[in-house]
Amino acid sequence: MPARIGGIATVGSPANRLRPPKSGMTIRRAVPDITTAGPVASSGFYQLLGCGFREEMNLGWVVNLVSSANPTAQVILITTMRPP
């Protein structure tokens, strides 16, 4: 009988059940999109966190923050309203 891991039926040895499928793809980063009423104002907050974030792109309705120490660490702040 197959085991159930996270609602997914699996078959085989326990080692095979925990091994992710081979896809040939590697995840290098995951960038969170944070919805806010004021992305420009929120940008200042994230820059004060001490993670070394700086504004890389600012279109007013969307702001991309990038860590100076680790450029793959990023946060995107996007407005809750549609751009003009």
C-alpha atoms as a PDB file:
ATOM      1  CA  MET A   1       0.000   0.000   0.000  1.00  0.00           C
ATOM      2  CA  PRO A   2       1.449   3.430  -0.893  1.00  0.00           C
ATOM      3  CA  ALA A   3       2.443   5.800   1.900  1.00  0.00           C
ATOM      4  CA  ARG A   4       0.962   9.297   2.012  1.00  0.00           C
ATOM      5  CA  ILE A   5       3.262  12.306   2.331  1.00  0.00           C
ATOM      6  CA  GLY A   6       1.531  15.684   2.349  1.00  0.00           C
ATOM      7  CA  GLY A   7      -1.569  14.197   0.737  1.00  0.00           C
ATOM      8  CA  ILE A   8       0.461  12.660  -2.128  1.00  0.00           C
ATOM      9  CA  ALA A   9       0.562   8.878  -2.483  1.00  0.00           C
ATOM     10  CA  THR A  10       4.120   7.574  -2.820  1.00  0.00           C
ATOM     11  CA  VAL A  11       5.543   4.142  -3.594  1.00  0.00           C
ATOM     12  CA  GLY A  12       9.015   2.812  -2.899  1.00  0.00           C
ATOM     13  CA  SER A  13      11.608   3.017  -0.175  1.00  0.00           C
ATOM     14  CA  PRO A  14      11.554   5.887   2.352  1.00  0.00           C
ATOM     15  CA  ALA A  15      14.655   7.380   0.690  1.00  0.00           C
ATOM     16  CA  ASN A  16      12.856   7.567  -2.667  1.00  0.00           C
ATOM     17  CA  ARG A  17       9.803   9.177  -1.084  1.00  0.00           C
ATOM     18  CA  LEU A  18      11.837  12.102   0.263  1.00  0.00           C
ATOM     19  CA  ARG A  19      13.904  12.708  -2.869  1.00  0.00           C
ATOM     20  CA  PRO A  20      12.535  15.481  -5.096  1.00  0.00           C
ATOM     21  CA  PRO A  21      11.840  14.544  -8.707  1.00  0.00           C
ATOM     22  CA  LYS A  22      14.649  15.130 -11.185  1.00  0.00           C
ATOM     23  CA  SER A  23      13.670  18.051 -13.368  1.00  0.00           C
ATOM     24  CA  GLY A  24      17.016  19.478 -14.427  1.00  0.00           C
ATOM     25  CA  MET A  25      15.974  22.807 -12.916  1.00  0.00           C
ATOM     26  CA  THR A  26      17.597  24.493  -9.934  1.00  0.00           C
ATOM     27  CA  ILE A  27      15.895  27.225  -7.928  1.00  0.00           C
ATOM     28  CA  ARG A  28      18.378  30.045  -7.402  1.00  0.00           C
ATOM     29  CA  ARG A  29      16.092  32.509  -5.647  1.00  0.00           C
ATOM     30  CA  ALA A  30      12.536  33.238  -4.670  1.00  0.00           C
ATOM     31  CA  VAL A  31      11.538  36.900  -4.587  1.00  0.00           C
ATOM     32  CA  PRO A  32       8.557  37.869  -2.431  1.00  0.00           C
ATOM     33  CA  ASP A  33       6.026  40.323  -3.872  1.00  0.00           C
ATOM     34  CA  ILE A  34       4.650  42.405  -1.005  1.00  0.00           C
ATOM     35  CA  THR A  35       1.436  44.334  -1.631  1.00  0.00           C
ATOM     36  CA  THR A  36       1.320  47.733   0.046  1.00  0.00           C
ATOM     37  CA  ALA A  37      -0.688  50.945  -0.248  1.00  0.00           C
ATOM     38  CA  GLY A  38       2.565  52.924  -0.576  1.00  0.00           C
ATOM     39  CA  PRO A  39       5.533  51.071  -2.090  1.00  0.00           C
ATOM     40  CA  VAL A  40       7.794  54.138  -1.972  1.00  0.00           C
ATOM     41  CA  ALA A  41       7.081  54.726   1.741  1.00  0.00           C
ATOM     42  CA  SER A  42       7.472  50.996   2.511  1.00  0.00           C
ATOM     43  CA  SER A  43      10.819  51.015   0.726  1.00  0.00           C
ATOM     44  CA  GLY A  44      12.312  53.152   3.502  1.00  0.00           C
ATOM     45  CA  PHE A  45      11.169  50.645   6.125  1.00  0.00           C
ATOM     46  CA  TYR A  46      12.825  47.713   4.359  1.00  0.00           C
ATOM     47  CA  GLN A  47      16.030  49.687   3.827  1.00  0.00           C
ATOM     48  CA  LEU A  48      16.212  50.294   7.609  1.00  0.00           C
ATOM     49  CA  LEU A  49      15.935  46.580   8.444  1.00  0.00           C
ATOM     50  CA  GLY A  50      19.702  46.186   8.239  1.00  0.00           C
ATOM     51  CA  CYS A  51      19.704  43.665   5.382  1.00  0.00           C
ATOM     52  CA  GLY A  52      21.536  46.085   3.114  1.00  0.00           C
ATOM     53  CA  PHE A  53      18.566  46.623   0.781  1.00  0.00           C
ATOM     54  CA  ARG A  54      18.815  49.430  -1.752  1.00  0.00           C
ATOM     55  CA  GLU A  55      16.363  50.562  -4.415  1.00  0.00           C
ATOM     56  CA  GLU A  56      17.254  48.987  -7.741  1.00  0.00           C
ATOM     57  CA  MET A  57      14.092  50.069  -9.548  1.00  0.00           C
ATOM     58  CA  ASN A  58      11.372  52.558  -8.592  1.00  0.00           C
ATOM     59  CA  LEU A  59       8.426  53.111 -10.919  1.00  0.00           C
ATOM     60  CA  GLY A  60       6.254  54.641  -8.197  1.00  0.00           C
ATOM     61  CA  TRP A  61       3.703  51.808  -8.265  1.00  0.00           C
ATOM     62  CA  VAL A  62       6.361  49.078  -7.943  1.00  0.00           C
ATOM     63  CA  VAL A  63       9.731  49.191  -6.146  1.00  0.00           C
ATOM     64  CA  ASN A  64      12.429  46.503  -6.385  1.00  0.00           C
ATOM     65  CA  LEU A  65      14.850  46.312  -3.443  1.00  0.00           C
ATOM     66  CA  VAL A  66      18.127  44.392  -3.753  1.00  0.00           C
ATOM     67  CA  SER A  67      20.613  43.448  -1.041  1.00  0.00           C
ATOM     68  CA  SER A  68      24.036  45.001  -1.613  1.00  0.00           C
ATOM     69  CA  ALA A  69      25.759  42.015   0.025  1.00  0.00           C
ATOM     70  CA  ASN A  70      23.741  39.338  -1.798  1.00  0.00           C
ATOM     71  CA  PRO A  71      22.075  40.524  -5.039  1.00  0.00           C
ATOM     72  CA  THR A  72      19.908  37.396  -5.217  1.00  0.00           C
ATOM     73  CA  ALA A  73      18.143  38.567  -2.020  1.00  0.00           C
ATOM     74  CA  GLN A  74      15.371  40.837  -3.309  1.00  0.00           C
ATOM     75  CA  VAL A  75      11.970  42.164  -2.280  1.00  0.00           C
ATOM     76  CA  ILE A  76       9.357  43.622  -4.619  1.00  0.00           C
ATOM     77  CA  LEU A  77       6.892  46.151  -3.189  1.00  0.00           C
ATOM     78  CA  ILE A  78       3.829  46.651  -5.347  1.00  0.00           C
ATOM     79  CA  THR A  79       0.863  48.964  -4.885  1.00  0.00           C
ATOM     80  CA  THR A  80      -2.630  47.762  -4.162  1.00  0.00           C
ATOM     81  CA  MET A  81      -3.936  50.237  -6.751  1.00  0.00           C
ATOM     82  CA  ARG A  82      -3.582  49.954 -10.530  1.00  0.00           C
ATOM     83  CA  PRO A  83      -0.860  52.089 -12.116  1.00  0.00           C
ATOM     84  CA  PRO A  84      -1.986  55.175 -14.075  1.00  0.00           C
END
